[in-house]
Protein backbone atom coordinates (compact mmCIF):
# COMPACT_ATOMS: atom_id res chain seq x y z
CA UNK A 1 0.00 0.00 0.00
CA UNK A 2 1.36 3.37 -0.99
CA UNK A 3 1.85 5.99 1.68
CA UNK A 4 0.25 8.78 -0.34
CA UNK A 5 -2.78 10.94 0.24
CA UNK A 6 -5.71 9.83 -1.90
CA UNK A 7 -6.93 13.41 -2.38
CA UNK A 8 -3.85 15.55 -3.01
CA UNK A 9 -1.30 12.85 -3.88
CA UNK A 10 1.27 14.12 -1.40
CA UNK A 11 3.81 11.53 -0.28
CA UNK A 12 6.93 11.16 1.80
CA UNK A 13 9.84 13.60 1.65
CA UNK A 14 13.53 13.09 2.28
CA UNK A 15 15.26 14.70 5.21
CA UNK A 16 18.70 14.48 6.75
CA UNK A 17 19.77 13.77 10.30
CA UNK A 18 23.05 15.49 11.15
CA UNK A 19 25.34 14.17 13.85
CA UNK A 20 27.77 16.27 15.87
CA UNK A 21 30.47 15.51 13.29
CA UNK A 22 28.13 16.70 10.50
CA UNK A 23 27.68 13.24 8.98
CA UNK A 24 24.48 13.25 6.93
CA UNK A 25 22.13 10.29 7.35
CA UNK A 26 19.15 10.40 5.00
CA UNK A 27 15.78 9.58 6.48
CA UNK A 28 12.28 9.31 5.09
CA UNK A 29 9.69 11.68 6.54
CA UNK A 30 6.25 10.17 6.03
CA UNK A 31 3.15 12.34 6.01
CA UNK A 32 0.46 11.99 8.67
CA UNK A 33 -2.12 9.76 6.97
CA UNK A 34 -5.45 8.99 8.59
CA UNK A 35 -8.18 6.64 7.38
CA UNK A 36 -11.52 8.36 6.87
CA UNK A 37 -14.83 7.14 5.46
CA UNK A 38 -16.36 9.63 3.01
CA UNK A 39 -19.70 8.79 1.37
CA UNK A 40 -19.28 5.09 2.23
CA UNK A 41 -15.78 4.77 0.72
CA UNK A 42 -12.61 4.46 2.78
CA UNK A 43 -9.78 6.91 1.93
CA UNK A 44 -6.29 7.53 3.30
CA UNK A 45 -6.16 11.31 3.73
CA UNK A 46 -3.38 13.52 5.08
CA UNK A 47 -4.24 15.75 8.01
CA UNK A 48 -3.72 18.90 5.90
CA UNK A 49 -6.55 17.77 3.60
CA UNK A 50 -8.71 16.92 6.63
CA UNK A 51 -8.29 20.46 7.96
CA UNK A 52 -9.12 21.89 4.54
CA UNK A 53 -12.28 19.76 4.32
CA UNK A 54 -13.45 21.00 7.75
CA UNK A 55 -13.21 24.67 6.72
CA UNK A 56 -16.51 26.40 6.00
CA UNK A 57 -17.23 27.29 2.41
CA UNK A 58 -16.46 30.92 1.69
CA UNK A 59 -19.00 32.97 -0.22
CA UNK A 60 -17.89 36.08 -2.04
CA UNK A 61 -19.83 39.20 -1.13
CA UNK A 62 -21.26 41.19 -3.99
CA UNK A 63 -19.98 44.73 -4.13
CA UNK A 64 -22.62 47.42 -3.85
CA UNK A 65 -22.07 50.35 -6.20
CA UNK A 66 -23.17 53.62 -4.71
CA UNK A 67 -23.58 56.74 -6.76
CA UNK A 68 -23.41 60.27 -5.45
CA UNK A 69 -26.76 61.80 -6.11
CA UNK A 70 -27.11 65.49 -5.26
CA UNK A 71 -30.49 66.69 -4.07
PDB file of N, CA and C in Angstrom:
ATOM      1  N   UNK A   1       0.839  -1.176   0.000  1.00  0.00           N
ATOM      2  CA  UNK A   1       0.000   0.000   0.000  1.00  0.00           C
ATOM      3  C   UNK A   1       0.888   1.245   0.000  1.00  0.00           C
ATOM      4  N   UNK A   2       0.576   2.150  -0.878  1.00  0.00           N
ATOM      5  CA  UNK A   2       1.361   3.366  -0.992  1.00  0.00           C
ATOM      6  C   UNK A   2       1.034   4.315   0.155  1.00  0.00           C
ATOM      7  N   UNK A   3       2.049   5.011   0.623  1.00  0.00           N
ATOM      8  CA  UNK A   3       1.847   5.995   1.682  1.00  0.00           C
ATOM      9  C   UNK A   3       1.682   7.358   1.044  1.00  0.00           C
ATOM     10  N   UNK A   4       0.567   7.512   0.327  1.00  0.00           N
ATOM     11  CA  UNK A   4       0.246   8.775  -0.340  1.00  0.00           C
ATOM     12  C   UNK A   4      -1.179   9.149   0.001  1.00  0.00           C
ATOM     13  N   UNK A   5      -1.430  10.436   0.007  1.00  0.00           N
ATOM     14  CA  UNK A   5      -2.777  10.941   0.238  1.00  0.00           C
ATOM     15  C   UNK A   5      -3.620  10.657  -1.000  1.00  0.00           C
ATOM     16  N   UNK A   6      -4.836  10.138  -0.778  1.00  0.00           N
ATOM     17  CA  UNK A   6      -5.714   9.826  -1.903  1.00  0.00           C
ATOM     18  C   UNK A   6      -6.302  11.079  -2.542  1.00  0.00           C
ATOM     19  N   UNK A   7      -6.353  12.192  -1.823  1.00  0.00           N
ATOM     20  CA  UNK A   7      -6.928  13.414  -2.382  1.00  0.00           C
ATOM     21  C   UNK A   7      -5.894  14.274  -3.104  1.00  0.00           C
ATOM     22  N   UNK A   8      -4.812  14.609  -2.413  1.00  0.00           N
ATOM     23  CA  UNK A   8      -3.848  15.547  -3.005  1.00  0.00           C
ATOM     24  C   UNK A   8      -2.643  14.847  -3.623  1.00  0.00           C
ATOM     25  N   UNK A   9      -2.411  13.580  -3.304  1.00  0.00           N
ATOM     26  CA  UNK A   9      -1.297  12.853  -3.884  1.00  0.00           C
ATOM     27  C   UNK A   9       0.041  13.109  -3.223  1.00  0.00           C
ATOM     28  N   UNK A  10       0.029  13.821  -2.104  1.00  0.00           N
ATOM     29  CA  UNK A  10       1.273  14.116  -1.403  1.00  0.00           C
ATOM     30  C   UNK A  10       1.848  12.842  -0.792  1.00  0.00           C
ATOM     31  N   UNK A  11       3.164  12.708  -0.825  1.00  0.00           N
ATOM     32  CA  UNK A  11       3.810  11.526  -0.284  1.00  0.00           C
ATOM     33  C   UNK A  11       4.928  11.900   0.668  1.00  0.00           C
ATOM     34  N   UNK A  12       5.824  10.955   0.873  1.00  0.00           N
ATOM     35  CA  UNK A  12       6.934  11.156   1.804  1.00  0.00           C
ATOM     36  C   UNK A  12       7.979  12.087   1.196  1.00  0.00           C
ATOM     37  N   UNK A  13       8.734  12.747   2.077  1.00  0.00           N
ATOM     38  CA  UNK A  13       9.836  13.596   1.650  1.00  0.00           C
ATOM     39  C   UNK A  13      11.124  13.065   2.270  1.00  0.00           C
ATOM     40  N   UNK A  14      12.254  13.503   1.731  1.00  0.00           N
ATOM     41  CA  UNK A  14      13.534  13.094   2.282  1.00  0.00           C
ATOM     42  C   UNK A  14      14.058  14.188   3.187  1.00  0.00           C
ATOM     43  N   UNK A  15      14.641  13.765   4.293  1.00  0.00           N
ATOM     44  CA  UNK A  15      15.265  14.697   5.209  1.00  0.00           C
ATOM     45  C   UNK A  15      16.618  14.147   5.603  1.00  0.00           C
ATOM     46  N   UNK A  16      17.376  14.921   6.340  1.00  0.00           N
ATOM     47  CA  UNK A  16      18.704  14.484   6.750  1.00  0.00           C
ATOM     48  C   UNK A  16      18.876  14.694   8.244  1.00  0.00           C
ATOM     49  N   UNK A  17      19.357  13.648   8.908  1.00  0.00           N
ATOM     50  CA  UNK A  17      19.773  13.772  10.297  1.00  0.00           C
ATOM     51  C   UNK A  17      21.254  14.111  10.295  1.00  0.00           C
ATOM     52  N   UNK A  18      21.648  15.085  11.079  1.00  0.00           N
ATOM     53  CA  UNK A  18      23.053  15.487  11.154  1.00  0.00           C
ATOM     54  C   UNK A  18      23.596  15.173  12.544  1.00  0.00           C
ATOM     55  N   UNK A  19      24.695  14.468  12.575  1.00  0.00           N
ATOM     56  CA  UNK A  19      25.335  14.172  13.851  1.00  0.00           C
ATOM     57  C   UNK A  19      26.227  15.351  14.253  1.00  0.00           C
ATOM     58  N   UNK A  20      26.888  15.202  15.391  1.00  0.00           N
ATOM     59  CA  UNK A  20      27.767  16.270  15.869  1.00  0.00           C
ATOM     60  C   UNK A  20      28.945  16.480  14.910  1.00  0.00           C
ATOM     61  N   UNK A  21      29.362  15.396  14.239  1.00  0.00           N
ATOM     62  CA  UNK A  21      30.474  15.506  13.295  1.00  0.00           C
ATOM     63  C   UNK A  21      29.997  15.845  11.886  1.00  0.00           C
ATOM     64  N   UNK A  22      28.750  16.253  11.749  1.00  0.00           N
ATOM     65  CA  UNK A  22      28.128  16.705  10.501  1.00  0.00           C
ATOM     66  C   UNK A  22      27.983  15.594   9.458  1.00  0.00           C
ATOM     67  N   UNK A  23      27.940  14.339   9.898  1.00  0.00           N
ATOM     68  CA  UNK A  23      27.679  13.237   8.982  1.00  0.00           C
ATOM     69  C   UNK A  23      26.188  13.249   8.651  1.00  0.00           C
ATOM     70  N   UNK A  24      25.875  13.187   7.357  1.00  0.00           N
ATOM     71  CA  UNK A  24      24.478  13.249   6.928  1.00  0.00           C
ATOM     72  C   UNK A  24      23.935  11.833   6.795  1.00  0.00           C
ATOM     73  N   UNK A  25      22.832  11.563   7.479  1.00  0.00           N
ATOM     74  CA  UNK A  25      22.131  10.293   7.355  1.00  0.00           C
ATOM     75  C   UNK A  25      20.743  10.597   6.820  1.00  0.00           C
ATOM     76  N   UNK A  26      20.445  10.106   5.603  1.00  0.00           N
ATOM     77  CA  UNK A  26      19.146  10.397   4.999  1.00  0.00           C
ATOM     78  C   UNK A  26      18.053   9.605   5.692  1.00  0.00           C
ATOM     79  N   UNK A  27      16.923  10.247   5.880  1.00  0.00           N
ATOM     80  CA  UNK A  27      15.781   9.581   6.479  1.00  0.00           C
ATOM     81  C   UNK A  27      14.540   9.936   5.680  1.00  0.00           C
ATOM     82  N   UNK A  28      13.533   9.109   5.801  1.00  0.00           N
ATOM     83  CA  UNK A  28      12.277   9.311   5.086  1.00  0.00           C
ATOM     84  C   UNK A  28      11.270   9.904   6.062  1.00  0.00           C
ATOM     85  N   UNK A  29      10.690  11.035   5.697  1.00  0.00           N
ATOM     86  CA  UNK A  29       9.690  11.678   6.541  1.00  0.00           C
ATOM     87  C   UNK A  29       8.321  11.431   5.931  1.00  0.00           C
ATOM     88  N   UNK A  30       7.575  10.501   6.536  1.00  0.00           N
ATOM     89  CA  UNK A  30       6.245  10.175   6.028  1.00  0.00           C
ATOM     90  C   UNK A  30       5.249  11.244   6.443  1.00  0.00           C
ATOM     91  N   UNK A  31       4.189  11.386   5.662  1.00  0.00           N
ATOM     92  CA  UNK A  31       3.151  12.342   6.006  1.00  0.00           C
ATOM     93  C   UNK A  31       2.179  11.675   6.975  1.00  0.00           C
ATOM     94  N   UNK A  32       1.397  12.473   7.660  1.00  0.00           N
ATOM     95  CA  UNK A  32       0.464  11.991   8.667  1.00  0.00           C
ATOM     96  C   UNK A  32      -0.831  11.571   7.972  1.00  0.00           C
ATOM     97  N   UNK A  33      -0.935  10.280   7.652  1.00  0.00           N
ATOM     98  CA  UNK A  33      -2.117   9.760   6.975  1.00  0.00           C
ATOM     99  C   UNK A  33      -3.111   9.205   7.977  1.00  0.00           C
ATOM    100  N   UNK A  34      -4.362   9.503   7.767  1.00  0.00           N
ATOM    101  CA  UNK A  34      -5.454   8.992   8.592  1.00  0.00           C
ATOM    102  C   UNK A  34      -6.476   8.341   7.668  1.00  0.00           C
ATOM    103  N   UNK A  35      -7.143   7.306   8.155  1.00  0.00           N
ATOM    104  CA  UNK A  35      -8.178   6.637   7.376  1.00  0.00           C
ATOM    105  C   UNK A  35      -9.507   7.299   7.704  1.00  0.00           C
ATOM    106  N   UNK A  36     -10.249   7.675   6.670  1.00  0.00           N
ATOM    107  CA  UNK A  36     -11.520   8.357   6.873  1.00  0.00           C
ATOM    108  C   UNK A  36     -12.529   7.824   5.866  1.00  0.00           C
ATOM    109  N   UNK A  37     -13.760   7.621   6.323  1.00  0.00           N
ATOM    110  CA  UNK A  37     -14.826   7.144   5.457  1.00  0.00           C
ATOM    111  C   UNK A  37     -15.606   8.359   4.954  1.00  0.00           C
ATOM    112  N   UNK A  38     -15.642   8.519   3.629  1.00  0.00           N
ATOM    113  CA  UNK A  38     -16.363   9.630   3.011  1.00  0.00           C
ATOM    114  C   UNK A  38     -17.346   9.036   2.021  1.00  0.00           C
ATOM    115  N   UNK A  39     -18.618   9.291   2.226  1.00  0.00           N
ATOM    116  CA  UNK A  39     -19.698   8.786   1.369  1.00  0.00           C
ATOM    117  C   UNK A  39     -19.629   7.271   1.192  1.00  0.00           C
ATOM    118  N   UNK A  40     -19.302   6.554   2.263  1.00  0.00           N
ATOM    119  CA  UNK A  40     -19.280   5.093   2.233  1.00  0.00           C
ATOM    120  C   UNK A  40     -18.006   4.483   1.690  1.00  0.00           C
ATOM    121  N   UNK A  41     -17.048   5.280   1.237  1.00  0.00           N
ATOM    122  CA  UNK A  41     -15.782   4.767   0.724  1.00  0.00           C
ATOM    123  C   UNK A  41     -14.663   5.147   1.687  1.00  0.00           C
ATOM    124  N   UNK A  42     -13.698   4.241   1.850  1.00  0.00           N
ATOM    125  CA  UNK A  42     -12.605   4.462   2.777  1.00  0.00           C
ATOM    126  C   UNK A  42     -11.426   5.080   2.027  1.00  0.00           C
ATOM    127  N   UNK A  43     -10.900   6.197   2.550  1.00  0.00           N
ATOM    128  CA  UNK A  43      -9.782   6.908   1.935  1.00  0.00           C
ATOM    129  C   UNK A  43      -8.678   7.092   2.959  1.00  0.00           C
ATOM    130  N   UNK A  44      -7.424   7.134   2.469  1.00  0.00           N
ATOM    131  CA  UNK A  44      -6.294   7.533   3.300  1.00  0.00           C
ATOM    132  C   UNK A  44      -6.014   8.994   2.969  1.00  0.00           C
ATOM    133  N   UNK A  45      -6.224   9.863   3.952  1.00  0.00           N
ATOM    134  CA  UNK A  45      -6.161  11.306   3.726  1.00  0.00           C
ATOM    135  C   UNK A  45      -5.138  11.901   4.689  1.00  0.00           C
ATOM    136  N   UNK A  46      -4.328  12.834   4.202  1.00  0.00           N
ATOM    137  CA  UNK A  46      -3.381  13.518   5.082  1.00  0.00           C
ATOM    138  C   UNK A  46      -4.149  14.526   5.945  1.00  0.00           C
ATOM    139  N   UNK A  47      -3.553  14.878   7.067  1.00  0.00           N
ATOM    140  CA  UNK A  47      -4.240  15.753   8.008  1.00  0.00           C
ATOM    141  C   UNK A  47      -4.415  17.161   7.448  1.00  0.00           C
ATOM    142  N   UNK A  48      -3.550  17.582   6.531  1.00  0.00           N
ATOM    143  CA  UNK A  48      -3.719  18.903   5.903  1.00  0.00           C
ATOM    144  C   UNK A  48      -5.004  18.929   5.091  1.00  0.00           C
ATOM    145  N   UNK A  49      -5.300  17.837   4.373  1.00  0.00           N
ATOM    146  CA  UNK A  49      -6.546  17.767   3.598  1.00  0.00           C
ATOM    147  C   UNK A  49      -7.758  17.687   4.529  1.00  0.00           C
ATOM    148  N   UNK A  50      -7.601  17.009   5.670  1.00  0.00           N
ATOM    149  CA  UNK A  50      -8.713  16.917   6.627  1.00  0.00           C
ATOM    150  C   UNK A  50      -9.061  18.293   7.176  1.00  0.00           C
ATOM    151  N   UNK A  51      -8.034  19.104   7.462  1.00  0.00           N
ATOM    152  CA  UNK A  51      -8.287  20.460   7.962  1.00  0.00           C
ATOM    153  C   UNK A  51      -8.944  21.310   6.892  1.00  0.00           C
ATOM    154  N   UNK A  52      -8.534  21.128   5.640  1.00  0.00           N
ATOM    155  CA  UNK A  52      -9.119  21.891   4.541  1.00  0.00           C
ATOM    156  C   UNK A  52     -10.589  21.506   4.349  1.00  0.00           C
ATOM    157  N   UNK A  53     -10.902  20.213   4.492  1.00  0.00           N
ATOM    158  CA  UNK A  53     -12.284  19.758   4.323  1.00  0.00           C
ATOM    159  C   UNK A  53     -13.192  20.294   5.425  1.00  0.00           C
ATOM    160  N   UNK A  54     -12.647  20.517   6.628  1.00  0.00           N
ATOM    161  CA  UNK A  54     -13.446  21.004   7.751  1.00  0.00           C
ATOM    162  C   UNK A  54     -13.728  22.501   7.683  1.00  0.00           C
ATOM    163  N   UNK A  55     -13.006  23.225   6.816  1.00  0.00           N
ATOM    164  CA  UNK A  55     -13.209  24.671   6.719  1.00  0.00           C
ATOM    165  C   UNK A  55     -14.582  24.976   6.127  1.00  0.00           C
ATOM    166  N   UNK A  56     -15.226  26.021   6.610  1.00  0.00           N
ATOM    167  CA  UNK A  56     -16.513  26.396   6.003  1.00  0.00           C
ATOM    168  C   UNK A  56     -16.307  26.963   4.607  1.00  0.00           C
ATOM    169  N   UNK A  57     -17.302  26.765   3.781  1.00  0.00           N
ATOM    170  CA  UNK A  57     -17.234  27.285   2.415  1.00  0.00           C
ATOM    171  C   UNK A  57     -17.335  28.803   2.453  1.00  0.00           C
ATOM    172  N   UNK A  58     -16.454  29.462   1.716  1.00  0.00           N
ATOM    173  CA  UNK A  58     -16.459  30.921   1.686  1.00  0.00           C
ATOM    174  C   UNK A  58     -17.308  31.396   0.529  1.00  0.00           C
ATOM    175  N   UNK A  59     -18.134  32.385   0.805  1.00  0.00           N
ATOM    176  CA  UNK A  59     -19.001  32.969  -0.216  1.00  0.00           C
ATOM    177  C   UNK A  59     -18.531  34.392  -0.452  1.00  0.00           C
ATOM    178  N   UNK A  60     -18.328  34.731  -1.718  1.00  0.00           N
ATOM    179  CA  UNK A  60     -17.894  36.084  -2.041  1.00  0.00           C
ATOM    180  C   UNK A  60     -19.064  37.042  -1.893  1.00  0.00           C
ATOM    181  N   UNK A  61     -18.808  38.175  -1.281  1.00  0.00           N
ATOM    182  CA  UNK A  61     -19.825  39.203  -1.132  1.00  0.00           C
ATOM    183  C   UNK A  61     -19.890  40.033  -2.407  1.00  0.00           C
ATOM    184  N   UNK A  62     -21.106  40.334  -2.815  1.00  0.00           N
ATOM    185  CA  UNK A  62     -21.263  41.186  -3.987  1.00  0.00           C
ATOM    186  C   UNK A  62     -21.006  42.628  -3.582  1.00  0.00           C
ATOM    187  N   UNK A  63     -20.283  43.335  -4.421  1.00  0.00           N
ATOM    188  CA  UNK A  63     -19.981  44.728  -4.132  1.00  0.00           C
ATOM    189  C   UNK A  63     -21.179  45.575  -4.500  1.00  0.00           C
ATOM    190  N   UNK A  64     -21.518  46.512  -3.621  1.00  0.00           N
ATOM    191  CA  UNK A  64     -22.624  47.420  -3.854  1.00  0.00           C
ATOM    192  C   UNK A  64     -22.052  48.718  -4.403  1.00  0.00           C
ATOM    193  N   UNK A  65     -22.540  49.127  -5.565  1.00  0.00           N
ATOM    194  CA  UNK A  65     -22.067  50.345  -6.196  1.00  0.00           C
ATOM    195  C   UNK A  65     -22.985  51.481  -5.752  1.00  0.00           C
ATOM    196  N   UNK A  66     -22.391  52.457  -5.138  1.00  0.00           N
ATOM    197  CA  UNK A  66     -23.170  53.618  -4.712  1.00  0.00           C
ATOM    198  C   UNK A  66     -22.821  54.803  -5.613  1.00  0.00           C
ATOM    199  N   UNK A  67     -23.819  55.554  -5.944  1.00  0.00           N
ATOM    200  CA  UNK A  67     -23.584  56.742  -6.755  1.00  0.00           C
ATOM    201  C   UNK A  67     -23.910  57.972  -5.910  1.00  0.00           C
ATOM    202  N   UNK A  68     -23.173  59.016  -6.161  1.00  0.00           N
ATOM    203  CA  UNK A  68     -23.414  60.268  -5.446  1.00  0.00           C
ATOM    204  C   UNK A  68     -24.502  61.048  -6.156  1.00  0.00           C
ATOM    205  N   UNK A  69     -25.651  61.066  -5.534  1.00  0.00           N
ATOM    206  CA  UNK A  69     -26.761  61.796  -6.110  1.00  0.00           C
ATOM    207  C   UNK A  69     -26.972  63.062  -5.284  1.00  0.00           C
ATOM    208  N   UNK A  70     -26.906  64.230  -5.966  1.00  0.00           N
ATOM    209  CA  UNK A  70     -27.110  65.485  -5.259  1.00  0.00           C
ATOM    210  C   UNK A  70     -28.587  65.848  -5.294  1.00  0.00           C
ATOM    211  N   UNK A  71     -29.068  66.327  -4.156  1.00  0.00           N
ATOM    212  CA  UNK A  71     -30.485  66.689  -4.067  1.00  0.00           C
ATOM    213  C   UNK A  71     -30.701  68.160  -4.280  1.00  0.00           C
TER     214      UNK A  71
END
